[in-house]
Amino acid sequence: MSLHQFMCGPFLSASYAITQFGENMYQMILLNEAVDIYNDYQIKINEAISNSDDEEYIMSLQKESDYYDQIFQISIGAGITLYEA
């Protein structure tokens, strides 16, 4: 917690709401980046397939895409708090 955050009193709920809002915005940015990267790799894979590129290159793109998909799944899991589960 920040040193400037209220720990008790009438501003506690507002302070908590501000913290939650900041965390939610950060989580949204991370998820947005993960989705963008995943979509970029899907486009690269489709282009490589349509251009009949090397199979090894396509497989490496697929592995990288799977890696970013796993990051996306972890990000979604981390975004769900105990209160939402």
N, C-alpha and C. Protein backbone atom coordinates (compact mmCIF):
# COMPACT_ATOMS: atom_id res chain seq x y z
N MET A 1 0.83 -1.18 0.00
CA MET A 1 0.00 0.00 0.00
C MET A 1 0.87 1.24 0.00
N SER A 2 0.36 2.27 -0.54
CA SER A 2 1.06 3.54 -0.61
C SER A 2 1.06 4.22 0.75
N LEU A 3 2.08 5.04 0.99
CA LEU A 3 2.15 5.79 2.24
C LEU A 3 1.07 6.86 2.32
N HIS A 4 0.56 7.29 1.18
CA HIS A 4 -0.44 8.34 1.14
C HIS A 4 -1.87 7.81 1.15
N GLN A 5 -2.01 6.54 1.32
CA GLN A 5 -3.33 5.93 1.30
C GLN A 5 -3.89 5.88 2.71
N PHE A 6 -5.16 6.19 2.85
CA PHE A 6 -5.80 6.18 4.15
C PHE A 6 -5.99 4.73 4.62
N MET A 7 -5.69 4.50 5.87
CA MET A 7 -5.80 3.16 6.44
C MET A 7 -7.06 3.02 7.29
N CYS A 8 -7.66 4.12 7.67
CA CYS A 8 -8.89 4.09 8.45
C CYS A 8 -9.60 5.42 8.28
N GLY A 9 -10.81 5.50 8.76
CA GLY A 9 -11.53 6.75 8.70
C GLY A 9 -12.49 6.83 7.53
N PRO A 10 -13.03 8.02 7.30
CA PRO A 10 -14.08 8.17 6.29
C PRO A 10 -13.59 8.02 4.85
N PHE A 11 -12.29 8.13 4.62
CA PHE A 11 -11.77 8.05 3.25
C PHE A 11 -11.23 6.67 2.91
N LEU A 12 -11.38 5.71 3.81
CA LEU A 12 -10.86 4.37 3.57
C LEU A 12 -11.49 3.74 2.34
N SER A 13 -12.81 3.79 2.22
CA SER A 13 -13.46 3.14 1.08
C SER A 13 -13.10 3.84 -0.22
N ALA A 14 -12.96 5.16 -0.20
CA ALA A 14 -12.55 5.87 -1.41
C ALA A 14 -11.12 5.52 -1.78
N SER A 15 -10.28 5.40 -0.79
CA SER A 15 -8.88 5.05 -1.02
C SER A 15 -8.78 3.64 -1.61
N TYR A 16 -9.57 2.74 -1.06
CA TYR A 16 -9.59 1.36 -1.58
C TYR A 16 -10.11 1.33 -3.01
N ALA A 17 -11.15 2.11 -3.29
CA ALA A 17 -11.73 2.14 -4.64
C ALA A 17 -10.73 2.68 -5.65
N ILE A 18 -9.96 3.68 -5.26
CA ILE A 18 -8.95 4.23 -6.16
C ILE A 18 -7.87 3.19 -6.46
N THR A 19 -7.46 2.45 -5.43
CA THR A 19 -6.47 1.39 -5.62
C THR A 19 -7.00 0.32 -6.55
N GLN A 20 -8.22 -0.11 -6.33
CA GLN A 20 -8.83 -1.14 -7.18
C GLN A 20 -8.96 -0.64 -8.63
N PHE A 21 -9.33 0.61 -8.80
CA PHE A 21 -9.46 1.17 -10.14
C PHE A 21 -8.11 1.15 -10.86
N GLY A 22 -7.06 1.54 -10.16
CA GLY A 22 -5.73 1.52 -10.76
C GLY A 22 -5.29 0.12 -11.14
N GLU A 23 -5.54 -0.83 -10.26
CA GLU A 23 -5.20 -2.22 -10.56
C GLU A 23 -6.00 -2.75 -11.75
N ASN A 24 -7.27 -2.40 -11.82
CA ASN A 24 -8.10 -2.85 -12.93
C ASN A 24 -7.64 -2.24 -14.26
N MET A 25 -7.25 -0.97 -14.23
CA MET A 25 -6.75 -0.33 -15.46
C MET A 25 -5.46 -1.00 -15.93
N TYR A 26 -4.58 -1.30 -14.99
CA TYR A 26 -3.32 -1.96 -15.33
C TYR A 26 -3.60 -3.35 -15.91
N GLN A 27 -4.50 -4.08 -15.29
CA GLN A 27 -4.85 -5.41 -15.79
C GLN A 27 -5.46 -5.33 -17.18
N MET A 28 -6.28 -4.31 -17.43
CA MET A 28 -6.88 -4.13 -18.75
C MET A 28 -5.80 -3.88 -19.81
N ILE A 29 -4.80 -3.08 -19.46
CA ILE A 29 -3.72 -2.80 -20.40
C ILE A 29 -2.94 -4.08 -20.71
N LEU A 30 -2.64 -4.86 -19.69
CA LEU A 30 -1.91 -6.11 -19.91
C LEU A 30 -2.71 -7.08 -20.78
N LEU A 31 -3.99 -7.21 -20.53
CA LEU A 31 -4.83 -8.08 -21.34
C LEU A 31 -4.91 -7.59 -22.78
N ASN A 32 -5.02 -6.28 -22.95
CA ASN A 32 -5.08 -5.71 -24.30
C ASN A 32 -3.79 -6.01 -25.06
N GLU A 33 -2.65 -5.85 -24.42
CA GLU A 33 -1.37 -6.16 -25.06
C GLU A 33 -1.28 -7.64 -25.42
N ALA A 34 -1.72 -8.51 -24.52
CA ALA A 34 -1.67 -9.95 -24.79
C ALA A 34 -2.55 -10.31 -25.98
N VAL A 35 -3.73 -9.73 -26.06
CA VAL A 35 -4.62 -10.01 -27.19
C VAL A 35 -4.02 -9.48 -28.49
N ASP A 36 -3.44 -8.29 -28.47
CA ASP A 36 -2.81 -7.73 -29.67
C ASP A 36 -1.67 -8.59 -30.17
N ILE A 37 -0.82 -9.04 -29.24
CA ILE A 37 0.30 -9.90 -29.63
C ILE A 37 -0.20 -11.22 -30.20
N TYR A 38 -1.20 -11.80 -29.55
CA TYR A 38 -1.76 -13.06 -30.03
C TYR A 38 -2.34 -12.89 -31.43
N ASN A 39 -3.07 -11.81 -31.65
CA ASN A 39 -3.64 -11.56 -32.98
C ASN A 39 -2.56 -11.34 -34.03
N ASP A 40 -1.49 -10.64 -33.67
CA ASP A 40 -0.38 -10.44 -34.60
C ASP A 40 0.23 -11.77 -35.03
N TYR A 41 0.40 -12.67 -34.08
CA TYR A 41 0.96 -13.98 -34.42
C TYR A 41 0.00 -14.80 -35.27
N GLN A 42 -1.29 -14.69 -35.02
CA GLN A 42 -2.24 -15.41 -35.86
C GLN A 42 -2.18 -14.90 -37.30
N ILE A 43 -2.02 -13.60 -37.47
CA ILE A 43 -1.89 -13.02 -38.82
C ILE A 43 -0.61 -13.51 -39.47
N LYS A 44 0.51 -13.53 -38.72
CA LYS A 44 1.78 -14.01 -39.27
C LYS A 44 1.68 -15.47 -39.68
N ILE A 45 1.00 -16.28 -38.86
CA ILE A 45 0.85 -17.71 -39.19
C ILE A 45 0.03 -17.87 -40.46
N ASN A 46 -1.08 -17.15 -40.56
CA ASN A 46 -1.92 -17.26 -41.76
C ASN A 46 -1.18 -16.79 -43.01
N GLU A 47 -0.38 -15.72 -42.88
CA GLU A 47 0.41 -15.26 -44.02
C GLU A 47 1.46 -16.28 -44.41
N ALA A 48 2.11 -16.88 -43.42
CA ALA A 48 3.13 -17.89 -43.71
C ALA A 48 2.52 -19.10 -44.39
N ILE A 49 1.33 -19.49 -43.97
CA ILE A 49 0.66 -20.63 -44.60
C ILE A 49 0.25 -20.29 -46.03
N SER A 50 -0.29 -19.10 -46.24
CA SER A 50 -0.72 -18.72 -47.59
C SER A 50 0.46 -18.51 -48.52
N ASN A 51 1.62 -18.13 -47.97
CA ASN A 51 2.82 -17.94 -48.80
C ASN A 51 3.60 -19.24 -48.97
N SER A 52 3.11 -20.30 -48.39
CA SER A 52 3.77 -21.61 -48.43
C SER A 52 5.20 -21.51 -47.91
N ASP A 53 5.36 -20.84 -46.79
CA ASP A 53 6.68 -20.71 -46.17
C ASP A 53 7.12 -22.05 -45.58
N ASP A 54 8.35 -22.07 -45.12
CA ASP A 54 8.95 -23.26 -44.54
C ASP A 54 8.11 -23.76 -43.36
N GLU A 55 7.92 -25.07 -43.30
CA GLU A 55 7.10 -25.66 -42.24
C GLU A 55 7.71 -25.42 -40.87
N GLU A 56 9.03 -25.41 -40.78
CA GLU A 56 9.70 -25.15 -39.51
C GLU A 56 9.41 -23.72 -39.02
N TYR A 57 9.38 -22.77 -39.95
CA TYR A 57 9.07 -21.38 -39.60
C TYR A 57 7.62 -21.27 -39.09
N ILE A 58 6.72 -21.96 -39.75
CA ILE A 58 5.31 -21.94 -39.33
C ILE A 58 5.17 -22.55 -37.94
N MET A 59 5.87 -23.64 -37.70
CA MET A 59 5.81 -24.28 -36.38
C MET A 59 6.39 -23.38 -35.29
N SER A 60 7.45 -22.65 -35.61
CA SER A 60 8.02 -21.74 -34.61
C SER A 60 7.05 -20.60 -34.31
N LEU A 61 6.36 -20.12 -35.34
CA LEU A 61 5.34 -19.09 -35.11
C LEU A 61 4.19 -19.65 -34.26
N GLN A 62 3.82 -20.89 -34.53
CA GLN A 62 2.74 -21.52 -33.76
C GLN A 62 3.14 -21.68 -32.29
N LYS A 63 4.41 -22.05 -32.04
CA LYS A 63 4.89 -22.20 -30.66
C LYS A 63 4.87 -20.86 -29.94
N GLU A 64 5.31 -19.80 -30.63
CA GLU A 64 5.29 -18.48 -30.03
C GLU A 64 3.85 -18.03 -29.77
N SER A 65 2.96 -18.34 -30.68
CA SER A 65 1.55 -17.99 -30.50
C SER A 65 0.97 -18.73 -29.30
N ASP A 66 1.31 -20.00 -29.15
CA ASP A 66 0.84 -20.78 -28.00
C ASP A 66 1.39 -20.20 -26.70
N TYR A 67 2.65 -19.75 -26.74
CA TYR A 67 3.26 -19.13 -25.57
C TYR A 67 2.47 -17.90 -25.15
N TYR A 68 2.13 -17.03 -26.10
CA TYR A 68 1.37 -15.83 -25.78
C TYR A 68 -0.07 -16.16 -25.38
N ASP A 69 -0.60 -17.23 -25.92
CA ASP A 69 -1.93 -17.67 -25.50
C ASP A 69 -1.91 -18.10 -24.03
N GLN A 70 -0.85 -18.78 -23.63
CA GLN A 70 -0.73 -19.19 -22.23
C GLN A 70 -0.59 -17.97 -21.32
N ILE A 71 0.17 -16.97 -21.76
CA ILE A 71 0.28 -15.73 -20.98
C ILE A 71 -1.08 -15.08 -20.85
N PHE A 72 -1.85 -15.09 -21.94
CA PHE A 72 -3.19 -14.52 -21.91
C PHE A 72 -4.07 -15.26 -20.90
N GLN A 73 -4.00 -16.59 -20.90
CA GLN A 73 -4.80 -17.38 -19.96
C GLN A 73 -4.39 -17.10 -18.51
N ILE A 74 -3.09 -16.95 -18.27
CA ILE A 74 -2.62 -16.63 -16.93
C ILE A 74 -3.10 -15.24 -16.52
N SER A 75 -3.05 -14.29 -17.46
CA SER A 75 -3.51 -12.94 -17.17
C SER A 75 -4.99 -12.92 -16.80
N ILE A 76 -5.78 -13.70 -17.51
CA ILE A 76 -7.20 -13.77 -17.19
C ILE A 76 -7.39 -14.37 -15.79
N GLY A 77 -6.65 -15.42 -15.51
CA GLY A 77 -6.74 -16.05 -14.20
C GLY A 77 -6.30 -15.13 -13.09
N ALA A 78 -5.28 -14.34 -13.33
CA ALA A 78 -4.80 -13.40 -12.31
C ALA A 78 -5.77 -12.25 -12.12
N GLY A 79 -6.55 -11.96 -13.14
CA GLY A 79 -7.50 -10.85 -13.06
C GLY A 79 -8.73 -11.17 -12.25
N ILE A 80 -8.98 -12.44 -12.04
CA ILE A 80 -10.16 -12.84 -11.26
C ILE A 80 -9.75 -12.89 -9.79
N THR A 81 -10.36 -12.07 -8.99
CA THR A 81 -10.04 -12.06 -7.57
C THR A 81 -10.88 -13.10 -6.84
N LEU A 82 -10.59 -13.30 -5.58
CA LEU A 82 -11.34 -14.27 -4.79
C LEU A 82 -12.81 -13.88 -4.68
N TYR A 83 -13.08 -12.57 -4.72
CA TYR A 83 -14.46 -12.11 -4.59
C TYR A 83 -15.26 -12.36 -5.86
N GLU A 84 -14.58 -12.45 -6.99
CA GLU A 84 -15.27 -12.68 -8.25
C GLU A 84 -15.43 -14.15 -8.57
N ALA A 85 -14.61 -14.98 -7.96
CA ALA A 85 -14.60 -16.42 -8.27
C ALA A 85 -15.82 -17.11 -7.72
